């Protein structure tokens, strides 16, 4: 039996149910309008922070000022700027910058312990100013097109000189930078480099002009998410040189996080899910920057709690009645899919509605979120969506279920899996302070 990936089975299942995808509002956006999100781009994402010429990195003709197609990225860069400046979204960064690392020196595993200082106005000042300082020494580039990608969406290096393609570029192609020096490591210069998968550039260069608005919105969203995901890594490298020098892995942002991966932690905290394009590739993961978006998580369940064909309800997924689609009795299909999967698990995948994605580019949405008090952020629910549920139980049976999630019971996963601090009961930062973003649009004043 040929080997397939779980992703391929999920993709095929989605494709078999295009009518449900349309009627549920997923992967379709009627009368799509262009983003009207305005405002400045944070200096972190300014054009002068990108590699200046192709030099094997950016894919454009050397010396052409438009090789980046920077204007085509602007909606994504404005969204990324809002994601790191809006007041109600800063608590995650406050905890990363001011949380106390608790390290197991035998294993190198650690987490950031909460402390009262992170709930103060000073912590917000620190987070905002630290991100602004990072914009003075970070470099952003597209992956070299001549090499096989050893990562999917993006990757971050803590220093230029350990960046694999640094020796093949001329110093004048790099942005000006102010190295971060630490007196304990005088020979180190922390100049982080964020590299994006070359597929982003290819799509922007070749497919963007003819793409419909729904595809562009998905592209801008994933590009913005990837950028901020990688900024989370870069911010940690720069702010914790001693930690990095000792070669400890990244900490768990919170003790209860599912993985010690700051980028994923940030995504879970802001969106309530990890969201990515689904490609249907049965081979090595390939990204489609404008492909249909899904969210996925794996849910374990005790013996006897598998989804029943005649009932179709799952407590952890309210609002969905599942219908069985594919079943095997000997587990052969599952073994051909992924030998690493444990028993008694549900691999659950939502189709992320394009309407949900589009709201992140609307000025009216951000006007509402700008008025939120610190601590009030809850990721917006998806609303009606098409869901695929693949289950494996101890008798080796794999079953694939599908269902349409209604909007009434759509509770953001953040309520159970992501941590929220009780901001109104501690610290000296008033939860009643209003305003738009935490700091002014005039970045030069900071």
Protein backbone atom coordinates (compact mmCIF):
# COMPACT_ATOMS: atom_id res chain seq x y z
CA UNK A 1 0.00 0.00 0.00
CA UNK A 2 1.44 3.41 -0.91
CA UNK A 3 2.35 5.70 1.94
CA UNK A 4 0.30 8.86 2.36
CA UNK A 5 0.36 11.65 4.86
CA UNK A 6 -2.43 12.56 7.23
CA UNK A 7 -2.39 15.97 5.56
CA UNK A 8 -3.09 14.32 2.18
CA UNK A 9 -6.03 12.37 3.59
CA UNK A 10 -7.43 15.51 5.20
CA UNK A 11 -6.98 17.50 1.98
CA UNK A 12 -8.69 14.81 -0.10
CA UNK A 13 -11.57 14.74 2.36
CA UNK A 14 -11.99 18.49 2.09
CA UNK A 15 -11.93 18.31 -1.69
CA UNK A 16 -14.65 15.65 -1.65
CA UNK A 17 -16.94 18.07 0.17
CA UNK A 18 -16.68 21.30 -1.78
CA UNK A 19 -20.45 21.96 -1.52
CA UNK A 20 -20.25 21.86 2.28
CA UNK A 21 -17.21 24.11 2.20
CA UNK A 22 -19.18 26.66 0.19
CA UNK A 23 -22.36 26.50 2.24
CA UNK A 24 -20.48 26.68 5.55
CA UNK A 25 -18.72 29.85 4.47
CA UNK A 26 -15.27 28.29 4.46
CA UNK A 27 -12.76 28.97 1.68
CA UNK A 28 -15.07 31.37 -0.11
CA UNK A 29 -15.58 35.09 0.18
CA UNK A 30 -18.41 36.55 -1.85
CA UNK A 31 -18.08 40.20 -2.80
CA UNK A 32 -14.61 40.37 -1.30
CA UNK A 33 -13.39 43.91 -0.78
CA UNK A 34 -9.82 45.09 -0.61
CA UNK A 35 -8.33 45.63 2.85
CA UNK A 36 -8.88 49.12 4.20
CA UNK A 37 -6.48 48.75 7.12
CA UNK A 38 -4.34 51.85 7.19
CA UNK A 39 -1.53 53.16 9.32
CA UNK A 40 2.24 53.10 9.24
CA UNK A 41 4.40 50.02 8.87
CA UNK A 42 6.46 49.31 11.97
CA UNK A 43 10.19 49.97 11.42
CA UNK A 44 10.70 46.23 11.96
CA UNK A 45 9.19 45.61 8.52
CA UNK A 46 10.35 48.74 6.70
CA UNK A 47 11.86 48.27 3.27
CA UNK A 48 15.33 49.16 4.52
CA UNK A 49 15.30 46.11 6.84
CA UNK A 50 15.28 43.72 3.87
CA UNK A 51 18.29 42.50 1.90
CA UNK A 52 18.88 45.27 -0.63
CA UNK A 53 19.58 43.22 -3.75
CA UNK A 54 18.90 39.68 -4.78
CA UNK A 55 22.46 38.39 -4.11
CA UNK A 56 21.03 34.90 -4.29
CA UNK A 57 18.50 35.71 -1.60
CA UNK A 58 15.68 37.84 -2.88
CA UNK A 59 15.18 36.60 -6.41
CA UNK A 60 15.04 39.97 -8.18
CA UNK A 61 17.35 41.74 -10.57
CA UNK A 62 20.27 43.40 -8.81
CA UNK A 63 19.87 47.12 -8.44
CA UNK A 64 16.14 47.21 -9.14
CA UNK A 65 14.39 49.13 -6.37
CA UNK A 66 11.19 47.11 -6.77
CA UNK A 67 12.73 43.66 -6.61
CA UNK A 68 10.86 42.99 -3.36
CA UNK A 69 7.50 44.01 -4.80
CA UNK A 70 7.22 45.76 -1.47
CA UNK A 71 3.92 47.44 -2.31
CA UNK A 72 2.33 44.03 -2.79
CA UNK A 73 3.28 43.12 0.76
CA UNK A 74 1.95 46.28 2.41
CA UNK A 75 -1.37 44.87 3.73
CA UNK A 76 0.56 42.00 5.35
CA UNK A 77 3.13 44.38 6.82
CA UNK A 78 0.42 46.66 8.20
CA UNK A 79 -1.25 43.66 9.81
CA UNK A 80 2.06 42.46 11.27
CA UNK A 81 2.58 45.98 12.66
CA UNK A 82 -0.82 45.94 14.36
CA UNK A 83 -0.09 42.51 15.83
CA UNK A 84 3.00 43.78 17.66
CA UNK A 85 1.73 47.23 18.67
CA UNK A 86 -1.91 46.94 19.69
CA UNK A 87 -2.22 47.30 23.44
CA UNK A 88 -4.46 44.29 24.12
CA UNK A 89 -1.97 42.03 22.28
CA UNK A 90 1.13 43.18 24.17
CA UNK A 91 0.72 40.96 27.29
CA UNK A 92 2.29 38.00 25.49
CA UNK A 93 5.40 40.10 24.77
CA UNK A 94 5.45 41.50 28.32
CA UNK A 95 5.62 37.97 29.69
CA UNK A 96 8.33 36.94 27.24
CA UNK A 97 10.52 39.92 28.10
CA UNK A 98 9.98 40.01 31.88
CA UNK A 99 9.00 36.45 32.87
CA UNK A 100 11.54 34.67 35.07
CA UNK A 101 13.26 31.71 33.34
CA UNK A 102 13.04 28.56 35.44
CA UNK A 103 15.64 26.14 34.08
CA UNK A 104 16.22 22.45 34.61
CA UNK A 105 20.01 22.45 34.10
CA UNK A 106 20.12 18.69 33.62
CA UNK A 107 17.76 18.70 30.65
CA UNK A 108 17.89 22.33 29.48
CA UNK A 109 14.09 22.46 29.58
CA UNK A 110 12.63 25.62 31.04
CA UNK A 111 9.60 27.84 31.22
CA UNK A 112 8.96 31.50 31.96
CA UNK A 113 7.45 32.00 35.37
CA UNK A 114 4.93 34.78 35.83
CA UNK A 115 5.83 37.67 38.08
CA UNK A 116 4.07 40.84 39.18
CA UNK A 117 6.47 43.07 37.25
CA UNK A 118 5.07 41.96 33.91
CA UNK A 119 1.69 43.47 34.78
CA UNK A 120 3.01 46.99 35.26
CA UNK A 121 3.13 49.94 32.93
CA UNK A 122 6.91 49.61 32.94
CA UNK A 123 6.62 46.12 31.41
CA UNK A 124 4.56 47.54 28.56
CA UNK A 125 7.14 50.27 28.05
CA UNK A 126 9.84 47.61 27.99
CA UNK A 127 8.06 45.40 25.46
CA UNK A 128 7.25 48.27 23.09
CA UNK A 129 10.74 49.78 23.26
CA UNK A 130 12.46 46.38 22.94
CA UNK A 131 10.55 45.62 19.75
CA UNK A 132 11.46 49.04 18.43
CA UNK A 133 15.15 48.46 19.22
CA UNK A 134 14.99 45.09 17.51
CA UNK A 135 13.93 46.87 14.33
CA UNK A 136 17.35 48.55 14.24
CA UNK A 137 19.36 45.33 13.99
CA UNK A 138 17.13 42.77 12.32
CA UNK A 139 17.41 41.64 8.70
CA UNK A 140 14.62 40.06 6.64
CA UNK A 141 15.13 38.14 3.41
CA UNK A 142 13.61 35.50 1.19
CA UNK A 143 15.18 32.06 1.14
CA UNK A 144 17.75 31.45 -1.62
CA UNK A 145 15.97 29.92 -4.60
CA UNK A 146 18.92 27.71 -5.48
CA UNK A 147 18.70 25.59 -2.35
CA UNK A 148 16.26 22.98 -1.15
CA UNK A 149 14.22 24.40 1.70
CA UNK A 150 15.06 22.79 5.01
CA UNK A 151 12.21 24.65 6.69
CA UNK A 152 8.62 25.40 5.73
CA UNK A 153 7.42 28.96 6.29
CA UNK A 154 10.34 30.78 7.88
CA UNK A 155 13.45 30.46 10.01
CA UNK A 156 15.46 32.76 12.26
CA UNK A 157 19.16 32.90 13.03
CA UNK A 158 20.47 34.79 16.06
CA UNK A 159 23.52 36.22 14.27
CA UNK A 160 24.45 37.13 10.71
CA UNK A 161 27.70 35.22 10.74
CA UNK A 162 25.99 31.90 11.51
CA UNK A 163 23.48 32.52 8.73
CA UNK A 164 24.29 29.81 6.12
CA UNK A 165 24.40 32.14 3.11
CA UNK A 166 26.16 35.06 4.76
CA UNK A 167 29.49 34.38 3.05
CA UNK A 168 27.85 34.44 -0.39
CA UNK A 169 26.46 37.95 0.05
CA UNK A 170 28.24 41.28 -0.15
CA UNK A 171 28.23 43.38 3.04
CA UNK A 172 26.67 46.32 1.19
CA UNK A 173 23.53 44.27 0.48
CA UNK A 174 22.71 44.03 4.18
CA UNK A 175 20.72 46.66 6.07
CA UNK A 176 22.50 49.00 8.42
CA UNK A 177 22.37 47.66 11.94
CA UNK A 178 23.19 48.47 15.53
CA UNK A 179 24.62 45.27 17.05
CA UNK A 180 23.38 44.23 20.45
CA UNK A 181 26.46 43.88 22.66
CA UNK A 182 26.59 42.08 25.95
CA UNK A 183 29.59 42.71 28.25
CA UNK A 184 29.68 39.03 29.20
CA UNK A 185 30.14 38.05 25.55
CA UNK A 186 32.23 40.80 23.93
CA UNK A 187 32.89 38.75 20.79
CA UNK A 188 29.21 38.24 19.99
CA UNK A 189 27.04 40.53 17.90
CA UNK A 190 23.38 39.68 18.01
CA UNK A 191 22.10 40.68 14.58
CA UNK A 192 19.19 38.31 13.93
CA UNK A 193 18.20 37.25 10.42
CA UNK A 194 14.65 36.23 9.50
CA UNK A 195 14.34 34.25 6.27
CA UNK A 196 11.03 33.51 4.56
CA UNK A 197 10.35 30.58 2.28
CA UNK A 198 11.02 31.43 -1.36
CA UNK A 199 7.48 30.34 -2.26
CA UNK A 200 6.24 33.59 -0.76
CA UNK A 201 8.32 35.57 -3.21
CA UNK A 202 7.42 33.43 -6.20
CA UNK A 203 3.70 33.74 -5.51
CA UNK A 204 3.95 37.48 -4.96
CA UNK A 205 5.97 37.94 -8.14
CA UNK A 206 4.14 35.60 -10.52
CA UNK A 207 0.61 34.92 -9.25
CA UNK A 208 -0.31 38.04 -7.33
CA UNK A 209 -1.38 40.18 -10.34
CA UNK A 210 -4.06 37.72 -11.49
CA UNK A 211 -5.13 36.39 -8.08
CA UNK A 212 -8.62 37.04 -6.73
CA UNK A 213 -9.10 38.99 -3.52
CA UNK A 214 -9.74 35.89 -1.38
CA UNK A 215 -6.38 34.42 -2.41
CA UNK A 216 -4.61 37.71 -1.73
CA UNK A 217 -6.16 37.96 1.72
CA UNK A 218 -5.00 34.45 2.60
CA UNK A 219 -1.51 35.25 1.29
CA UNK A 220 -1.26 38.50 3.28
CA UNK A 221 -2.50 36.79 6.43
CA UNK A 222 -0.01 33.91 6.35
CA UNK A 223 2.85 36.25 5.44
CA UNK A 224 2.03 38.50 8.42
CA UNK A 225 1.71 35.55 10.79
CA UNK A 226 5.00 34.06 9.61
CA UNK A 227 6.82 37.36 10.08
CA UNK A 228 5.62 37.88 13.65
CA UNK A 229 6.19 34.19 14.48
CA UNK A 230 9.83 34.60 13.48
CA UNK A 231 10.10 37.98 15.26
CA UNK A 232 9.21 36.14 18.47
CA UNK A 233 12.29 33.95 18.02
CA UNK A 234 14.51 36.90 17.11
CA UNK A 235 13.31 38.90 20.11
CA UNK A 236 14.19 36.04 22.44
CA UNK A 237 17.66 35.58 20.97
CA UNK A 238 18.47 39.25 21.38
CA UNK A 239 16.94 39.71 24.83
CA UNK A 240 18.46 36.58 26.37
CA UNK A 241 22.10 36.27 25.16
CA UNK A 242 23.19 34.32 28.25
CA UNK A 243 20.38 31.85 27.70
CA UNK A 244 21.30 31.46 24.05
CA UNK A 245 25.05 31.19 24.80
CA UNK A 246 24.44 28.18 27.01
CA UNK A 247 22.58 26.57 24.11
CA UNK A 248 19.39 25.99 26.05
CA UNK A 249 16.33 25.41 23.94
CA UNK A 250 13.67 28.08 23.90
CA UNK A 251 11.57 28.09 27.05
CA UNK A 252 7.93 27.22 27.36
CA UNK A 253 6.28 30.63 27.29
CA UNK A 254 3.89 29.29 29.92
CA UNK A 255 4.40 26.16 31.95
CA UNK A 256 1.33 24.55 30.42
CA UNK A 257 2.19 25.23 26.78
CA UNK A 258 2.10 22.17 24.50
CA UNK A 259 5.61 22.88 23.17
CA UNK A 260 8.66 25.03 23.88
CA UNK A 261 8.28 27.04 20.69
CA UNK A 262 7.73 30.76 21.15
CA UNK A 263 6.38 31.37 17.66
CA UNK A 264 3.67 28.75 18.07
CA UNK A 265 2.94 30.04 21.57
CA UNK A 266 2.34 33.51 20.17
CA UNK A 267 0.05 32.17 17.43
CA UNK A 268 -2.01 30.19 19.94
CA UNK A 269 -2.30 33.20 22.23
CA UNK A 270 -3.44 35.62 19.51
CA UNK A 271 -5.52 33.40 17.21
CA UNK A 272 -6.46 30.51 19.48
CA UNK A 273 -5.17 28.05 16.88
CA UNK A 274 -2.20 27.29 14.66
CA UNK A 275 -3.34 28.28 11.15
CA UNK A 276 -1.60 27.19 7.96
CA UNK A 277 -2.28 26.53 4.25
CA UNK A 278 -3.25 23.02 3.28
CA UNK A 279 -1.60 21.75 0.12
CA UNK A 280 -2.54 18.11 -0.35
CA UNK A 281 1.10 17.16 -0.89
CA UNK A 282 1.83 13.51 -0.14
CA UNK A 283 5.56 14.12 -0.10
CA UNK A 284 7.74 16.57 1.83
CA UNK A 285 5.75 19.53 3.09
CA UNK A 286 5.40 22.24 0.46
CA UNK A 287 3.74 25.51 1.20
CA UNK A 288 1.11 27.21 -0.90
CA UNK A 289 1.17 30.79 0.39
CA UNK A 290 -2.36 31.52 -0.85
CA UNK A 291 -3.86 28.09 -0.34
CA UNK A 292 -6.97 27.32 1.69
CA UNK A 293 -6.26 27.77 5.39
CA UNK A 294 -6.92 25.25 8.13
CA UNK A 295 -6.42 24.94 11.87
CA UNK A 296 -5.54 21.64 13.49
CA UNK A 297 -5.05 20.04 16.85
CA UNK A 298 -4.82 16.50 18.25
CA UNK A 299 -7.21 15.51 21.02
CA UNK A 300 -6.63 12.39 23.11
CA UNK A 301 -9.60 10.50 24.54
CA UNK A 302 -10.07 7.58 26.97
CA UNK A 303 -11.10 4.07 26.02
CA UNK A 304 -14.68 3.86 24.89
CA UNK A 305 -15.01 7.57 24.09
CA UNK A 306 -14.51 7.38 20.35
CA UNK A 307 -17.09 9.05 18.14
CA UNK A 308 -20.07 6.79 17.55
CA UNK A 309 -21.49 6.47 14.05
CA UNK A 310 -25.04 6.77 15.31
CA UNK A 311 -24.35 9.73 17.57
CA UNK A 312 -21.65 11.82 15.91
CA UNK A 313 -21.04 14.17 18.83
CA UNK A 314 -17.67 15.06 20.40
CA UNK A 315 -17.67 16.94 23.69
CA UNK A 316 -14.48 18.86 22.89
CA UNK A 317 -15.95 20.05 19.56
CA UNK A 318 -19.37 21.48 20.40
CA UNK A 319 -21.76 22.42 17.64
CA UNK A 320 -20.69 19.67 15.22
CA UNK A 321 -22.52 16.49 14.29
CA UNK A 322 -20.03 14.22 12.57
CA UNK A 323 -20.82 11.75 9.83
CA UNK A 324 -18.48 8.80 9.28
CA UNK A 325 -16.82 8.80 5.88
CA UNK A 326 -13.97 6.28 5.78
CA UNK A 327 -13.38 3.24 7.95
CA UNK A 328 -10.91 0.36 7.99
CA UNK A 329 -11.12 -2.63 10.30
CA UNK A 330 -7.47 -3.69 10.49
CA UNK A 331 -5.73 -0.33 10.76
CA UNK A 332 -3.80 -0.79 7.52
CA UNK A 333 -4.71 2.65 6.22
CA UNK A 334 -3.57 4.32 9.44
CA UNK A 335 -0.24 2.49 9.46
CA UNK A 336 0.32 3.61 5.90
CA UNK A 337 -0.39 7.17 6.97
CA UNK A 338 1.73 7.78 10.04
CA UNK A 339 3.33 5.18 12.30
CA UNK A 340 4.07 7.79 14.96
CA UNK A 341 0.44 8.49 15.77
CA UNK A 342 -0.68 7.16 19.16
CA UNK A 343 -3.92 5.31 19.71
CA UNK A 344 -7.08 6.94 21.05
CA UNK A 345 -6.52 10.30 19.38
CA UNK A 346 -8.55 12.59 17.18
CA UNK A 347 -6.72 14.58 14.52
CA UNK A 348 -9.14 17.48 14.07
CA UNK A 349 -8.89 20.00 11.24
CA UNK A 350 -11.08 23.07 10.69
CA UNK A 351 -11.43 24.92 7.42
CA UNK A 352 -10.69 28.53 8.39
CA UNK A 353 -13.40 30.74 6.85
CA UNK A 354 -12.05 33.37 4.50
CA UNK A 355 -14.48 35.83 6.10
CA UNK A 356 -12.70 35.27 9.42
CA UNK A 357 -9.34 36.01 7.78
CA UNK A 358 -10.67 39.12 5.99
CA UNK A 359 -11.69 40.79 9.25
CA UNK A 360 -8.03 41.16 10.26
CA UNK A 361 -7.57 43.61 7.38
CA UNK A 362 -10.56 45.80 8.15
CA UNK A 363 -10.16 49.14 9.90
CA UNK A 364 -13.51 48.73 11.68
CA UNK A 365 -12.32 45.48 13.28
CA UNK A 366 -9.20 47.07 14.69
CA UNK A 367 -11.12 50.10 15.93
CA UNK A 368 -13.09 47.69 18.08
CA UNK A 369 -10.02 45.79 19.25
CA UNK A 370 -8.11 48.99 19.99
CA UNK A 371 -10.75 49.79 22.61
CA UNK A 372 -10.27 46.50 24.48
CA UNK A 373 -8.87 46.74 27.97
CA UNK A 374 -5.65 44.95 28.81
CA UNK A 375 -6.54 41.35 29.64
CA UNK A 376 -9.78 41.32 27.64
CA UNK A 377 -8.33 39.77 24.49
CA UNK A 378 -10.03 36.56 23.38
CA UNK A 379 -9.37 35.28 19.84
CA UNK A 380 -12.39 35.79 17.59
CA UNK A 381 -14.26 32.52 16.93
CA UNK A 382 -14.26 31.03 13.46
CA UNK A 383 -18.03 30.84 13.18
CA UNK A 384 -19.55 28.23 10.84
CA UNK A 385 -16.86 25.97 9.44
CA UNK A 386 -16.29 22.58 7.86
CA UNK A 387 -14.47 20.10 10.14
CA UNK A 388 -12.63 16.85 9.46
CA UNK A 389 -12.03 14.44 12.35
CA UNK A 390 -9.69 11.46 11.88
CA UNK A 391 -9.76 8.97 14.75
CA UNK A 392 -7.68 5.93 15.65
CA UNK A 393 -8.62 3.63 18.51
CA UNK A 394 -6.93 0.69 20.18
CA UNK A 395 -8.48 -1.94 17.95
CA UNK A 396 -6.59 -0.41 15.03
CA UNK A 397 -9.64 1.08 13.35
CA UNK A 398 -9.27 4.42 11.61
CA UNK A 399 -12.37 6.46 10.90
CA UNK A 400 -12.66 9.76 9.07
CA UNK A 401 -15.60 11.96 10.05
CA UNK A 402 -16.82 15.22 8.61
CA UNK A 403 -19.18 17.82 9.98
CA UNK A 404 -20.24 21.45 9.72
CA UNK A 405 -19.64 23.58 12.79
CA UNK A 406 -22.36 26.06 13.61
CA UNK A 407 -21.57 29.57 14.78
CA UNK A 408 -23.48 29.53 18.07
CA UNK A 409 -21.22 27.14 19.96
CA UNK A 410 -17.94 28.24 18.46
CA UNK A 411 -15.79 28.85 21.55
CA UNK A 412 -12.22 29.93 20.96
CA UNK A 413 -9.72 27.27 21.99
CA UNK A 414 -7.85 29.86 24.02
CA UNK A 415 -10.35 29.37 26.83
CA UNK A 416 -9.03 25.88 27.52
CA UNK A 417 -5.55 25.64 26.03
CA UNK A 418 -4.02 29.11 26.18
CA UNK A 419 -3.32 31.03 29.36
CA UNK A 420 -4.85 34.37 30.21
CA UNK A 421 -3.61 36.52 33.06
CA UNK A 422 -5.95 38.20 35.49
CA UNK A 423 -4.80 41.68 34.56
CA UNK A 424 -7.50 43.62 36.40
CA UNK A 425 -6.55 42.31 39.84
CA UNK A 426 -2.82 42.94 39.91
CA UNK A 427 -0.10 45.39 38.99
CA UNK A 428 -0.31 49.12 38.50
CA UNK A 429 -1.46 49.11 34.87
CA UNK A 430 -5.02 50.38 34.82
CA UNK A 431 -7.36 48.16 32.85
CA UNK A 432 -9.49 51.21 32.15
CA UNK A 433 -6.87 53.04 30.11
CA UNK A 434 -8.14 53.55 26.60
CA UNK A 435 -6.38 54.52 23.42
CA UNK A 436 -5.50 52.91 20.20
CA UNK A 437 -2.15 51.16 19.97
CA UNK A 438 0.10 51.21 22.98
CA UNK A 439 2.35 53.83 21.44
CA UNK A 440 2.06 56.59 18.87
CA UNK A 441 2.09 56.10 15.12
CA UNK A 442 5.10 58.43 14.93
CA UNK A 443 7.79 55.85 15.61
CA UNK A 444 10.59 58.38 15.26
CA UNK A 445 9.56 59.96 18.55
CA UNK A 446 10.28 56.78 20.51
